[in-house]
């Protein structure tokens, strides 16, 4: 799915999705050969999880800690450019 499709499906702006990726709230999203984000099922699952957590009032910093610990437990890597 493109970022626009994900934005529409989950009711999150494209700017917010880019921010969430930039600060490391979910796995790095794969890109097409032309550089367009291509959200697969796993990326969409993370977006849904983050949306749920944020809707519950959980701060981004806490979501990031939970995401990093979960990803470590799964043996995958997330964006690490945010403190």
PDB file of N, CA and C in Angstrom:
ATOM      1  N   UNK A   1       0.844  -1.182   0.000  1.00  0.00           N
ATOM      2  CA  UNK A   1       0.000   0.000   0.000  1.00  0.00           C
ATOM      3  C   UNK A   1       0.889   1.246   0.000  1.00  0.00           C
ATOM      4  N   UNK A   2       0.443   2.254  -0.663  1.00  0.00           N
ATOM      5  CA  UNK A   2       1.164   3.524  -0.649  1.00  0.00           C
ATOM      6  C   UNK A   2       0.866   4.251   0.660  1.00  0.00           C
ATOM      7  N   UNK A   3       1.649   5.264   0.952  1.00  0.00           N
ATOM      8  CA  UNK A   3       1.442   6.033   2.174  1.00  0.00           C
ATOM      9  C   UNK A   3       0.068   6.710   2.160  1.00  0.00           C
ATOM     10  N   UNK A   4      -0.381   7.116   0.989  1.00  0.00           N
ATOM     11  CA  UNK A   4      -1.701   7.746   0.873  1.00  0.00           C
ATOM     12  C   UNK A   4      -2.809   6.749   1.206  1.00  0.00           C
ATOM     13  N   UNK A   5      -2.667   5.515   0.738  1.00  0.00           N
ATOM     14  CA  UNK A   5      -3.664   4.476   1.024  1.00  0.00           C
ATOM     15  C   UNK A   5      -3.684   4.137   2.523  1.00  0.00           C
ATOM     16  N   UNK A   6      -2.502   4.048   3.115  1.00  0.00           N
ATOM     17  CA  UNK A   6      -2.412   3.757   4.547  1.00  0.00           C
ATOM     18  C   UNK A   6      -3.008   4.909   5.351  1.00  0.00           C
ATOM     19  N   UNK A   7      -2.717   6.125   4.930  1.00  0.00           N
ATOM     20  CA  UNK A   7      -3.250   7.313   5.588  1.00  0.00           C
ATOM     21  C   UNK A   7      -4.776   7.279   5.610  1.00  0.00           C
ATOM     22  N   UNK A   8      -5.351   6.965   4.474  1.00  0.00           N
ATOM     23  CA  UNK A   8      -6.805   6.921   4.356  1.00  0.00           C
ATOM     24  C   UNK A   8      -7.382   5.770   5.185  1.00  0.00           C
ATOM     25  N   UNK A   9      -6.766   4.598   5.115  1.00  0.00           N
ATOM     26  CA  UNK A   9      -7.275   3.417   5.815  1.00  0.00           C
ATOM     27  C   UNK A   9      -7.297   3.610   7.328  1.00  0.00           C
ATOM     28  N   UNK A  10      -6.226   4.221   7.881  1.00  0.00           N
ATOM     29  CA  UNK A  10      -6.103   4.342   9.331  1.00  0.00           C
ATOM     30  C   UNK A  10      -6.442   5.728   9.876  1.00  0.00           C
ATOM     31  N   UNK A  11      -6.744   6.660   8.986  1.00  0.00           N
ATOM     32  CA  UNK A  11      -7.115   8.000   9.440  1.00  0.00           C
ATOM     33  C   UNK A  11      -5.953   8.750  10.074  1.00  0.00           C
ATOM     34  N   UNK A  12      -4.751   8.541   9.529  1.00  0.00           N
ATOM     35  CA  UNK A  12      -3.543   9.201  10.019  1.00  0.00           C
ATOM     36  C   UNK A  12      -2.947   9.971   8.840  1.00  0.00           C
ATOM     37  N   UNK A  13      -2.583  11.208   9.061  1.00  0.00           N
ATOM     38  CA  UNK A  13      -2.050  11.995   7.945  1.00  0.00           C
ATOM     39  C   UNK A  13      -0.730  11.406   7.435  1.00  0.00           C
ATOM     40  N   UNK A  14      -0.430  11.674   6.185  1.00  0.00           N
ATOM     41  CA  UNK A  14       0.830  11.197   5.615  1.00  0.00           C
ATOM     42  C   UNK A  14       2.019  11.817   6.337  1.00  0.00           C
ATOM     43  N   UNK A  15       1.890  13.073   6.755  1.00  0.00           N
ATOM     44  CA  UNK A  15       2.963  13.720   7.516  1.00  0.00           C
ATOM     45  C   UNK A  15       3.217  12.989   8.837  1.00  0.00           C
ATOM     46  N   UNK A  16       2.150  12.583   9.505  1.00  0.00           N
ATOM     47  CA  UNK A  16       2.282  11.857  10.771  1.00  0.00           C
ATOM     48  C   UNK A  16       2.928  10.503  10.534  1.00  0.00           C
ATOM     49  N   UNK A  17       2.539   9.811   9.472  1.00  0.00           N
ATOM     50  CA  UNK A  17       3.154   8.519   9.158  1.00  0.00           C
ATOM     51  C   UNK A  17       4.646   8.674   8.889  1.00  0.00           C
ATOM     52  N   UNK A  18       5.016   9.714   8.162  1.00  0.00           N
ATOM     53  CA  UNK A  18       6.437   9.970   7.894  1.00  0.00           C
ATOM     54  C   UNK A  18       7.182  10.269   9.197  1.00  0.00           C
ATOM     55  N   UNK A  19       6.546  11.042  10.064  1.00  0.00           N
ATOM     56  CA  UNK A  19       7.140  11.361  11.367  1.00  0.00           C
ATOM     57  C   UNK A  19       7.339  10.081  12.178  1.00  0.00           C
ATOM     58  N   UNK A  20       6.317   9.233  12.252  1.00  0.00           N
ATOM     59  CA  UNK A  20       6.418   7.985  13.007  1.00  0.00           C
ATOM     60  C   UNK A  20       7.567   7.125  12.484  1.00  0.00           C
ATOM     61  N   UNK A  21       7.734   7.089  11.178  1.00  0.00           N
ATOM     62  CA  UNK A  21       8.840   6.321  10.604  1.00  0.00           C
ATOM     63  C   UNK A  21      10.186   6.967  10.970  1.00  0.00           C
ATOM     64  N   UNK A  22      10.243   8.284  10.845  1.00  0.00           N
ATOM     65  CA  UNK A  22      11.486   9.015  11.096  1.00  0.00           C
ATOM     66  C   UNK A  22      11.962   8.854  12.544  1.00  0.00           C
ATOM     67  N   UNK A  23      11.031   8.864  13.502  1.00  0.00           N
ATOM     68  CA  UNK A  23      11.426   8.771  14.911  1.00  0.00           C
ATOM     69  C   UNK A  23      11.527   7.336  15.410  1.00  0.00           C
ATOM     70  N   UNK A  24      11.273   6.378  14.547  1.00  0.00           N
ATOM     71  CA  UNK A  24      11.507   4.981  14.898  1.00  0.00           C
ATOM     72  C   UNK A  24      10.372   4.272  15.587  1.00  0.00           C
ATOM     73  N   UNK A  25       9.141   4.660  15.306  1.00  0.00           N
ATOM     74  CA  UNK A  25       8.017   3.971  15.929  1.00  0.00           C
ATOM     75  C   UNK A  25       7.661   2.655  15.244  1.00  0.00           C
ATOM     76  N   UNK A  26       8.106   2.467  14.025  1.00  0.00           N
ATOM     77  CA  UNK A  26       7.851   1.183  13.370  1.00  0.00           C
ATOM     78  C   UNK A  26       8.972   0.832  12.415  1.00  0.00           C
ATOM     79  N   UNK A  27       8.915  -0.380  11.940  1.00  0.00           N
ATOM     80  CA  UNK A  27       9.934  -0.882  11.022  1.00  0.00           C
ATOM     81  C   UNK A  27      10.107   0.050   9.841  1.00  0.00           C
ATOM     82  N   UNK A  28      11.322   0.090   9.353  1.00  0.00           N
ATOM     83  CA  UNK A  28      11.594   0.871   8.146  1.00  0.00           C
ATOM     84  C   UNK A  28      10.716   0.317   7.029  1.00  0.00           C
ATOM     85  N   UNK A  29       9.975   1.193   6.376  1.00  0.00           N
ATOM     86  CA  UNK A  29       9.053   0.773   5.318  1.00  0.00           C
ATOM     87  C   UNK A  29       9.830   0.539   4.030  1.00  0.00           C
ATOM     88  N   UNK A  30       9.532  -0.573   3.383  1.00  0.00           N
ATOM     89  CA  UNK A  30      10.187  -0.877   2.108  1.00  0.00           C
ATOM     90  C   UNK A  30       9.795   0.172   1.082  1.00  0.00           C
ATOM     91  N   UNK A  31      10.639   0.330   0.089  1.00  0.00           N
ATOM     92  CA  UNK A  31      10.379   1.308  -0.973  1.00  0.00           C
ATOM     93  C   UNK A  31      10.440   0.630  -2.328  1.00  0.00           C
ATOM     94  N   UNK A  32       9.684   1.174  -3.249  1.00  0.00           N
ATOM     95  CA  UNK A  32       9.731   0.682  -4.618  1.00  0.00           C
ATOM     96  C   UNK A  32      11.016   1.175  -5.273  1.00  0.00           C
ATOM     97  N   UNK A  33      11.280   0.711  -6.477  1.00  0.00           N
ATOM     98  CA  UNK A  33      12.470   1.142  -7.213  1.00  0.00           C
ATOM     99  C   UNK A  33      12.493   2.661  -7.398  1.00  0.00           C
ATOM    100  N   UNK A  34      11.311   3.264  -7.460  1.00  0.00           N
ATOM    101  CA  UNK A  34      11.242   4.718  -7.636  1.00  0.00           C
ATOM    102  C   UNK A  34      11.213   5.474  -6.305  1.00  0.00           C
ATOM    103  N   UNK A  35      11.376   4.753  -5.186  1.00  0.00           N
ATOM    104  CA  UNK A  35      11.476   5.406  -3.885  1.00  0.00           C
ATOM    105  C   UNK A  35      10.166   5.619  -3.152  1.00  0.00           C
ATOM    106  N   UNK A  36       9.070   5.117  -3.678  1.00  0.00           N
ATOM    107  CA  UNK A  36       7.768   5.292  -3.030  1.00  0.00           C
ATOM    108  C   UNK A  36       7.625   4.255  -1.914  1.00  0.00           C
ATOM    109  N   UNK A  37       7.168   4.705  -0.744  1.00  0.00           N
ATOM    110  CA  UNK A  37       6.956   3.778   0.367  1.00  0.00           C
ATOM    111  C   UNK A  37       5.928   2.728  -0.027  1.00  0.00           C
ATOM    112  N   UNK A  38       6.210   1.481   0.345  1.00  0.00           N
ATOM    113  CA  UNK A  38       5.322   0.368   0.040  1.00  0.00           C
ATOM    114  C   UNK A  38       5.041  -0.388   1.336  1.00  0.00           C
ATOM    115  N   UNK A  39       3.950  -0.028   1.995  1.00  0.00           N
ATOM    116  CA  UNK A  39       3.583  -0.623   3.271  1.00  0.00           C
ATOM    117  C   UNK A  39       3.045  -2.031   3.046  1.00  0.00           C
ATOM    118  N   UNK A  40       3.766  -3.025   3.594  1.00  0.00           N
ATOM    119  CA  UNK A  40       3.268  -4.402   3.523  1.00  0.00           C
ATOM    120  C   UNK A  40       2.393  -4.662   4.746  1.00  0.00           C
ATOM    121  N   UNK A  41       1.930  -5.899   4.909  1.00  0.00           N
ATOM    122  CA  UNK A  41       1.036  -6.223   6.029  1.00  0.00           C
ATOM    123  C   UNK A  41       1.697  -5.938   7.374  1.00  0.00           C
ATOM    124  N   UNK A  42       2.970  -6.302   7.511  1.00  0.00           N
ATOM    125  CA  UNK A  42       3.661  -6.078   8.780  1.00  0.00           C
ATOM    126  C   UNK A  42       3.751  -4.589   9.116  1.00  0.00           C
ATOM    127  N   UNK A  43       4.070  -3.775   8.140  1.00  0.00           N
ATOM    128  CA  UNK A  43       4.134  -2.325   8.366  1.00  0.00           C
ATOM    129  C   UNK A  43       2.757  -1.780   8.742  1.00  0.00           C
ATOM    130  N   UNK A  44       1.720  -2.263   8.069  1.00  0.00           N
ATOM    131  CA  UNK A  44       0.351  -1.820   8.387  1.00  0.00           C
ATOM    132  C   UNK A  44      -0.054  -2.264   9.785  1.00  0.00           C
ATOM    133  N   UNK A  45       0.376  -3.463  10.195  1.00  0.00           N
ATOM    134  CA  UNK A  45       0.094  -3.921  11.552  1.00  0.00           C
ATOM    135  C   UNK A  45       0.719  -2.984  12.577  1.00  0.00           C
ATOM    136  N   UNK A  46       1.949  -2.517  12.309  1.00  0.00           N
ATOM    137  CA  UNK A  46       2.604  -1.582  13.213  1.00  0.00           C
ATOM    138  C   UNK A  46       1.869  -0.252  13.241  1.00  0.00           C
ATOM    139  N   UNK A  47       1.432   0.227  12.085  1.00  0.00           N
ATOM    140  CA  UNK A  47       0.677   1.488  12.038  1.00  0.00           C
ATOM    141  C   UNK A  47      -0.584   1.351  12.887  1.00  0.00           C
ATOM    142  N   UNK A  48      -1.267   0.233  12.749  1.00  0.00           N
ATOM    143  CA  UNK A  48      -2.494   0.006  13.526  1.00  0.00           C
ATOM    144  C   UNK A  48      -2.188  -0.031  15.027  1.00  0.00           C
ATOM    145  N   UNK A  49      -1.105  -0.702  15.407  1.00  0.00           N
ATOM    146  CA  UNK A  49      -0.700  -0.768  16.814  1.00  0.00           C
ATOM    147  C   UNK A  49      -0.376   0.621  17.349  1.00  0.00           C
ATOM    148  N   UNK A  50       0.395   1.382  16.596  1.00  0.00           N
ATOM    149  CA  UNK A  50       0.780   2.732  17.023  1.00  0.00           C
ATOM    150  C   UNK A  50      -0.450   3.618  17.156  1.00  0.00           C
ATOM    151  N   UNK A  51      -1.357   3.533  16.197  1.00  0.00           N
ATOM    152  CA  UNK A  51      -2.591   4.316  16.258  1.00  0.00           C
ATOM    153  C   UNK A  51      -3.373   3.977  17.528  1.00  0.00           C
ATOM    154  N   UNK A  52      -3.487   2.687  17.822  1.00  0.00           N
ATOM    155  CA  UNK A  52      -4.196   2.266  19.030  1.00  0.00           C
ATOM    156  C   UNK A  52      -3.521   2.839  20.277  1.00  0.00           C
ATOM    157  N   UNK A  53      -2.204   2.705  20.355  1.00  0.00           N
ATOM    158  CA  UNK A  53      -1.473   3.207  21.517  1.00  0.00           C
ATOM    159  C   UNK A  53      -1.634   4.724  21.660  1.00  0.00           C
ATOM    160  N   UNK A  54      -1.497   5.437  20.563  1.00  0.00           N
ATOM    161  CA  UNK A  54      -1.633   6.906  20.607  1.00  0.00           C
ATOM    162  C   UNK A  54      -3.063   7.309  20.973  1.00  0.00           C
ATOM    163  N   UNK A  55      -4.056   6.578  20.441  1.00  0.00           N
ATOM    164  CA  UNK A  55      -5.454   6.868  20.782  1.00  0.00           C
ATOM    165  C   UNK A  55      -5.723   6.656  22.271  1.00  0.00           C
ATOM    166  N   UNK A  56      -4.934   5.771  22.895  1.00  0.00           N
ATOM    167  CA  UNK A  56      -5.057   5.521  24.341  1.00  0.00           C
ATOM    168  C   UNK A  56      -4.276   6.535  25.161  1.00  0.00           C
ATOM    169  N   UNK A  57      -3.587   7.446  24.481  1.00  0.00           N
ATOM    170  CA  UNK A  57      -2.859   8.498  25.175  1.00  0.00           C
ATOM    171  C   UNK A  57      -1.416   8.169  25.508  1.00  0.00           C
ATOM    172  N   UNK A  58      -0.896   7.067  24.957  1.00  0.00           N
ATOM    173  CA  UNK A  58       0.487   6.684  25.221  1.00  0.00           C
ATOM    174  C   UNK A  58       1.413   7.617  24.434  1.00  0.00           C
ATOM    175  N   UNK A  59       2.405   8.168  25.109  1.00  0.00           N
ATOM    176  CA  UNK A  59       3.349   9.089  24.476  1.00  0.00           C
ATOM    177  C   UNK A  59       4.211   8.373  23.444  1.00  0.00           C
ATOM    178  N   UNK A  60       4.625   9.111  22.410  1.00  0.00           N
ATOM    179  CA  UNK A  60       5.464   8.544  21.347  1.00  0.00           C
ATOM    180  C   UNK A  60       6.734   7.910  21.907  1.00  0.00           C
ATOM    181  N   UNK A  61       7.340   8.537  22.917  1.00  0.00           N
ATOM    182  CA  UNK A  61       8.567   7.980  23.497  1.00  0.00           C
ATOM    183  C   UNK A  61       8.321   6.592  24.087  1.00  0.00           C
ATOM    184  N   UNK A  62       7.192   6.412  24.719  1.00  0.00           N
ATOM    185  CA  UNK A  62       6.858   5.103  25.302  1.00  0.00           C
ATOM    186  C   UNK A  62       6.557   4.103  24.191  1.00  0.00           C
ATOM    187  N   UNK A  63       5.826   4.524  23.177  1.00  0.00           N
ATOM    188  CA  UNK A  63       5.537   3.643  22.041  1.00  0.00           C
ATOM    189  C   UNK A  63       6.845   3.198  21.394  1.00  0.00           C
ATOM    190  N   UNK A  64       7.795   4.117  21.265  1.00  0.00           N
ATOM    191  CA  UNK A  64       9.081   3.785  20.658  1.00  0.00           C
ATOM    192  C   UNK A  64       9.818   2.728  21.486  1.00  0.00           C
ATOM    193  N   UNK A  65       9.793   2.862  22.810  1.00  0.00           N
ATOM    194  CA  UNK A  65      10.450   1.879  23.680  1.00  0.00           C
ATOM    195  C   UNK A  65       9.797   0.513  23.523  1.00  0.00           C
ATOM    196  N   UNK A  66       8.480   0.484  23.529  1.00  0.00           N
ATOM    197  CA  UNK A  66       7.763  -0.781  23.353  1.00  0.00           C
ATOM    198  C   UNK A  66       8.089  -1.385  21.990  1.00  0.00           C
ATOM    199  N   UNK A  67       8.082  -0.555  20.955  1.00  0.00           N
ATOM    200  CA  UNK A  67       8.369  -1.042  19.601  1.00  0.00           C
ATOM    201  C   UNK A  67       9.783  -1.602  19.521  1.00  0.00           C
ATOM    202  N   UNK A  68      10.753  -0.879  20.050  1.00  0.00           N
ATOM    203  CA  UNK A  68      12.149  -1.349  19.986  1.00  0.00           C
ATOM    204  C   UNK A  68      12.331  -2.655  20.735  1.00  0.00           C
ATOM    205  N   UNK A  69      11.746  -2.765  21.915  1.00  0.00           N
ATOM    206  CA  UNK A  69      11.879  -3.998  22.687  1.00  0.00           C
ATOM    207  C   UNK A  69      11.189  -5.169  21.988  1.00  0.00           C
ATOM    208  N   UNK A  70      10.054  -4.898  21.380  1.00  0.00           N
ATOM    209  CA  UNK A  70       9.348  -5.950  20.641  1.00  0.00           C
ATOM    210  C   UNK A  70      10.160  -6.391  19.434  1.00  0.00           C
ATOM    211  N   UNK A  71      10.685  -5.433  18.713  1.00  0.00           N
ATOM    212  CA  UNK A  71      11.474  -5.749  17.523  1.00  0.00           C
ATOM    213  C   UNK A  71      12.725  -6.527  17.913  1.00  0.00           C
ATOM    214  N   UNK A  72      13.384  -6.113  18.985  1.00  0.00           N
ATOM    215  CA  UNK A  72      14.567  -6.856  19.452  1.00  0.00           C
ATOM    216  C   UNK A  72      14.196  -8.297  19.767  1.00  0.00           C
ATOM    217  N   UNK A  73      13.075  -8.471  20.421  1.00  0.00           N
ATOM    218  CA  UNK A  73      12.632  -9.825  20.773  1.00  0.00           C
ATOM    219  C   UNK A  73      12.351 -10.654  19.520  1.00  0.00           C
ATOM    220  N   UNK A  74      11.923  -9.976  18.461  1.00  0.00           N
ATOM    221  CA  UNK A  74      11.637 -10.670  17.200  1.00  0.00           C
ATOM    222  C   UNK A  74      12.877 -10.800  16.331  1.00  0.00           C
ATOM    223  N   UNK A  75      13.969 -10.119  16.724  1.00  0.00           N
ATOM    224  CA  UNK A  75      15.217 -10.207  15.959  1.00  0.00           C
ATOM    225  C   UNK A  75      15.213  -9.401  14.686  1.00  0.00           C
ATOM    226  N   UNK A  76      14.466  -8.303  14.671  1.00  0.00           N
ATOM    227  CA  UNK A  76      14.426  -7.428  13.499  1.00  0.00           C
ATOM    228  C   UNK A  76      14.991  -6.079  13.875  1.00  0.00           C
ATOM    229  N   UNK A  77      15.127  -5.194  12.895  1.00  0.00           N
ATOM    230  CA  UNK A  77      15.710  -3.871  13.144  1.00  0.00           C
ATOM    231  C   UNK A  77      14.694  -2.789  12.785  1.00  0.00           C
ATOM    232  N   UNK A  78      14.683  -1.730  13.582  1.00  0.00           N
ATOM    233  CA  UNK A  78      13.839  -0.572  13.276  1.00  0.00           C
ATOM    234  C   UNK A  78      14.729   0.635  13.054  1.00  0.00           C
ATOM    235  N   UNK A  79      14.122   1.704  12.636  1.00  0.00           N
ATOM    236  CA  UNK A  79      14.848   2.960  12.438  1.00  0.00           C
ATOM    237  C   UNK A  79      15.492   3.340  13.755  1.00  0.00           C
ATOM    238  N   UNK A  80      16.767   3.697  13.732  1.00  0.00           N
ATOM    239  CA  UNK A  80      17.470   4.003  14.979  1.00  0.00           C
ATOM    240  C   UNK A  80      18.016   5.428  15.000  1.00  0.00           C
ATOM    241  N   UNK A  81      17.549   6.270  14.092  1.00  0.00           N
ATOM    242  CA  UNK A  81      18.106   7.623  14.023  1.00  0.00           C
ATOM    243  C   UNK A  81      17.485   8.573  15.035  1.00  0.00           C
ATOM    244  N   UNK A  82      16.580   8.093  15.857  1.00  0.00           N
ATOM    245  CA  UNK A  82      15.953   8.952  16.870  1.00  0.00           C
ATOM    246  C   UNK A  82      16.372   8.461  18.246  1.00  0.00           C
ATOM    247  N   UNK A  83      17.104   9.299  18.950  1.00  0.00           N
ATOM    248  CA  UNK A  83      17.583   9.070  20.296  1.00  0.00           C
ATOM    249  C   UNK A  83      17.150   7.885  20.953  1.00  0.00           C
TER     250      UNK A  83
END
